[in-house]
C-alpha cells in the first residue's frame, strides 16, 4: 500500500545551508530557487520545502 507523496516545510534562516545538506542524500531542486527565497527539493516521492524565515522569531 502506498500513502503517496510526503512533503515537509521548514523555516530556515540560512536556506543555502539547508539546500547543501539535503543535496547529499539525493534531493534535487524541483521548483523555485534560493534567490527567489522559495525552493522545493525532491527525492523520489519525497518533497522538502525550506522556507526563508523573513519574519517571525529571531
C-alpha atoms as a PDB file:
ATOM      1  CA  UNK A   1       0.000   0.000   0.000  1.00  0.00           C
ATOM      2  CA  UNK A   2       1.337   3.432  -0.948  1.00  0.00           C
ATOM      3  CA  UNK A   3       0.500   6.537   1.070  1.00  0.00           C
ATOM      4  CA  UNK A   4       1.564   8.834  -1.758  1.00  0.00           C
ATOM      5  CA  UNK A   5       3.917  11.792  -1.620  1.00  0.00           C
ATOM      6  CA  UNK A   6       5.287  13.032   1.677  1.00  0.00           C
ATOM      7  CA  UNK A   7       6.016  16.740   1.985  1.00  0.00           C
ATOM      8  CA  UNK A   8       7.723  18.785   4.729  1.00  0.00           C
ATOM      9  CA  UNK A   9       8.108  22.569   5.069  1.00  0.00           C
ATOM     10  CA  UNK A  10      10.597  24.169   7.453  1.00  0.00           C
ATOM     11  CA  UNK A  11      11.565  27.762   8.204  1.00  0.00           C
ATOM     12  CA  UNK A  12      15.295  28.323   7.727  1.00  0.00           C
ATOM     13  CA  UNK A  13      17.498  31.346   8.421  1.00  0.00           C
ATOM     14  CA  UNK A  14      20.237  30.074   6.072  1.00  0.00           C
ATOM     15  CA  UNK A  15      18.408  28.379   3.196  1.00  0.00           C
ATOM     16  CA  UNK A  16      21.632  27.696   1.269  1.00  0.00           C
ATOM     17  CA  UNK A  17      22.966  25.582   4.164  1.00  0.00           C
ATOM     18  CA  UNK A  18      19.748  23.543   4.225  1.00  0.00           C
ATOM     19  CA  UNK A  19      19.928  23.101   0.426  1.00  0.00           C
ATOM     20  CA  UNK A  20      23.518  21.820   0.585  1.00  0.00           C
ATOM     21  CA  UNK A  21      22.636  19.467   3.465  1.00  0.00           C
ATOM     22  CA  UNK A  22      19.714  17.850   1.598  1.00  0.00           C
ATOM     23  CA  UNK A  23      21.598  17.524  -1.696  1.00  0.00           C
ATOM     24  CA  UNK A  24      23.941  14.989  -0.044  1.00  0.00           C
ATOM     25  CA  UNK A  25      21.237  12.279   0.342  1.00  0.00           C
ATOM     26  CA  UNK A  26      19.989  12.920  -3.214  1.00  0.00           C
ATOM     27  CA  UNK A  27      17.429  15.738  -3.070  1.00  0.00           C
ATOM     28  CA  UNK A  28      17.417  17.966  -6.181  1.00  0.00           C
ATOM     29  CA  UNK A  29      15.932  21.405  -6.877  1.00  0.00           C
ATOM     30  CA  UNK A  30      12.409  20.829  -8.167  1.00  0.00           C
ATOM     31  CA  UNK A  31      10.662  24.225  -8.090  1.00  0.00           C
ATOM     32  CA  UNK A  32      11.973  27.710  -7.326  1.00  0.00           C
ATOM     33  CA  UNK A  33      15.459  28.809  -6.299  1.00  0.00           C
ATOM     34  CA  UNK A  34      17.368  30.352  -3.406  1.00  0.00           C
ATOM     35  CA  UNK A  35      17.414  33.831  -4.978  1.00  0.00           C
ATOM     36  CA  UNK A  36      13.601  33.826  -5.010  1.00  0.00           C
ATOM     37  CA  UNK A  37      13.545  32.651  -1.366  1.00  0.00           C
ATOM     38  CA  UNK A  38      11.352  29.728  -2.418  1.00  0.00           C
ATOM     39  CA  UNK A  39      12.715  26.276  -3.066  1.00  0.00           C
ATOM     40  CA  UNK A  40      11.132  22.853  -3.302  1.00  0.00           C
ATOM     41  CA  UNK A  41      13.518  19.919  -3.356  1.00  0.00           C
ATOM     42  CA  UNK A  42      12.512  16.419  -4.425  1.00  0.00           C
ATOM     43  CA  UNK A  43      13.902  12.911  -3.999  1.00  0.00           C
ATOM     44  CA  UNK A  44      11.581  10.265  -5.442  1.00  0.00           C
ATOM     45  CA  UNK A  45       8.150  10.763  -3.863  1.00  0.00           C
ATOM     46  CA  UNK A  46       9.531  12.919  -1.060  1.00  0.00           C
ATOM     47  CA  UNK A  47       9.429  16.708  -1.241  1.00  0.00           C
ATOM     48  CA  UNK A  48      11.144  19.190   1.053  1.00  0.00           C
ATOM     49  CA  UNK A  49      10.347  22.899   1.166  1.00  0.00           C
ATOM     50  CA  UNK A  50      12.849  25.031   3.106  1.00  0.00           C
ATOM     51  CA  UNK A  51      11.315  28.499   3.515  1.00  0.00           C
ATOM     52  CA  UNK A  52      13.448  31.580   4.138  1.00  0.00           C
ATOM     53  CA  UNK A  53      12.415  32.916   7.550  1.00  0.00           C
ATOM     54  CA  UNK A  54      11.786  36.599   6.758  1.00  0.00           C
ATOM     55  CA  UNK A  55       9.592  37.449   9.741  1.00  0.00           C
ATOM     56  CA  UNK A  56       8.745  35.571  12.874  1.00  0.00           C
ATOM     57  CA  UNK A  57      11.028  34.905  15.813  1.00  0.00           C
ATOM     58  CA  UNK A  58      14.745  35.544  15.816  1.00  0.00           C
END
